[in-house]
Amino acid sequence: MSTPYMGMIAGMALAFAGHFGGFGAFLLVAALGGLGWALGRWADGGGNVRDVRDAFERSRR
């Protein structure tokens, strides 16, 4: 699926959330979409579960 097509789908999802659910739903859909995008980029880059564990261990120190 091409990037413009994915952007169109994301925009339509945000529009539906904003129209039917209000501004709070719009923000929730936008935040979850951003999280999904970040996780997808991480997985495409060869992400590893150990990377996540190490990041949490470093933040506790």
C-alpha atoms as a PDB file:
ATOM      1  CA  MET A   1       0.000   0.000   0.000  1.00  0.00           C
ATOM      2  CA  SER A   2       1.426   3.396  -0.949  1.00  0.00           C
ATOM      3  CA  THR A   3       2.164   6.143   1.557  1.00  0.00           C
ATOM      4  CA  PRO A   4      -0.394   8.608   0.140  1.00  0.00           C
ATOM      5  CA  TYR A   5      -3.087   5.935   0.324  1.00  0.00           C
ATOM      6  CA  MET A   6      -2.214   5.175   3.955  1.00  0.00           C
ATOM      7  CA  GLY A   7      -2.296   8.901   4.735  1.00  0.00           C
ATOM      8  CA  MET A   8      -5.737   9.170   3.155  1.00  0.00           C
ATOM      9  CA  ILE A   9      -7.030   6.289   5.289  1.00  0.00           C
ATOM     10  CA  ALA A  10      -5.581   7.844   8.445  1.00  0.00           C
ATOM     11  CA  GLY A  11      -7.157  11.193   7.582  1.00  0.00           C
ATOM     12  CA  MET A  12     -10.541   9.590   6.995  1.00  0.00           C
ATOM     13  CA  ALA A  13     -10.331   7.753  10.330  1.00  0.00           C
ATOM     14  CA  LEU A  14      -9.536  11.018  12.111  1.00  0.00           C
ATOM     15  CA  ALA A  15     -12.394  12.776  10.323  1.00  0.00           C
ATOM     16  CA  PHE A  16     -14.902  10.092  11.311  1.00  0.00           C
ATOM     17  CA  ALA A  17     -13.667  10.120  14.909  1.00  0.00           C
ATOM     18  CA  GLY A  18     -13.927  13.888  15.069  1.00  0.00           C
ATOM     19  CA  HIS A  19     -17.360  13.987  13.515  1.00  0.00           C
ATOM     20  CA  PHE A  20     -19.013  11.184  15.466  1.00  0.00           C
ATOM     21  CA  GLY A  21     -17.033  11.154  18.708  1.00  0.00           C
ATOM     22  CA  GLY A  22     -15.986  14.728  19.226  1.00  0.00           C
ATOM     23  CA  PHE A  23     -12.602  16.243  19.894  1.00  0.00           C
ATOM     24  CA  GLY A  24     -11.646  13.692  22.575  1.00  0.00           C
ATOM     25  CA  ALA A  25     -12.153  10.809  20.166  1.00  0.00           C
ATOM     26  CA  PHE A  26     -10.162  12.713  17.533  1.00  0.00           C
ATOM     27  CA  LEU A  27      -7.217  13.047  19.933  1.00  0.00           C
ATOM     28  CA  LEU A  28      -7.436   9.391  20.977  1.00  0.00           C
ATOM     29  CA  VAL A  29      -7.405   8.186  17.365  1.00  0.00           C
ATOM     30  CA  ALA A  30      -4.511  10.517  16.551  1.00  0.00           C
ATOM     31  CA  ALA A  31      -2.471   9.330  19.558  1.00  0.00           C
ATOM     32  CA  LEU A  32      -3.075   5.641  18.858  1.00  0.00           C
ATOM     33  CA  GLY A  33      -2.303   6.180  15.180  1.00  0.00           C
ATOM     34  CA  GLY A  34       1.000   7.811  16.097  1.00  0.00           C
ATOM     35  CA  LEU A  35       1.848   4.969  18.440  1.00  0.00           C
ATOM     36  CA  GLY A  36       1.030   2.427  15.734  1.00  0.00           C
ATOM     37  CA  TRP A  37       3.170   4.332  13.240  1.00  0.00           C
ATOM     38  CA  ALA A  38       6.110   4.404  15.667  1.00  0.00           C
ATOM     39  CA  LEU A  39       5.823   0.684  16.422  1.00  0.00           C
ATOM     40  CA  GLY A  40       5.590  -0.117  12.722  1.00  0.00           C
ATOM     41  CA  ARG A  41       8.716   1.925  11.964  1.00  0.00           C
ATOM     42  CA  TRP A  42      10.526   0.200  14.827  1.00  0.00           C
ATOM     43  CA  ALA A  43       9.502  -3.260  13.583  1.00  0.00           C
ATOM     44  CA  ASP A  44      10.508  -2.442   9.997  1.00  0.00           C
ATOM     45  CA  GLY A  45      13.906  -1.344  11.240  1.00  0.00           C
ATOM     46  CA  GLY A  46      14.599  -4.776  12.723  1.00  0.00           C
ATOM     47  CA  GLY A  47      13.371  -3.956  16.197  1.00  0.00           C
ATOM     48  CA  ASN A  48      14.006  -6.470  18.900  1.00  0.00           C
ATOM     49  CA  VAL A  49      12.171  -7.108  22.196  1.00  0.00           C
ATOM     50  CA  ARG A  50      15.499  -6.779  24.016  1.00  0.00           C
ATOM     51  CA  ASP A  51      15.738  -3.173  22.775  1.00  0.00           C
ATOM     52  CA  VAL A  52      12.497  -2.318  24.575  1.00  0.00           C
ATOM     53  CA  ARG A  53      13.566  -4.102  27.751  1.00  0.00           C
ATOM     54  CA  ASP A  54      16.931  -2.339  27.730  1.00  0.00           C
ATOM     55  CA  ALA A  55      15.266   1.047  27.252  1.00  0.00           C
ATOM     56  CA  PHE A  56      13.080   0.472  30.309  1.00  0.00           C
ATOM     57  CA  GLU A  57      16.019  -0.728  32.391  1.00  0.00           C
ATOM     58  CA  ARG A  58      18.049   2.361  31.442  1.00  0.00           C
ATOM     59  CA  SER A  59      15.188   4.657  32.428  1.00  0.00           C
ATOM     60  CA  ARG A  60      15.002   3.154  35.947  1.00  0.00           C
ATOM     61  CA  ARG A  61      18.622   4.007  36.735  1.00  0.00           C
END
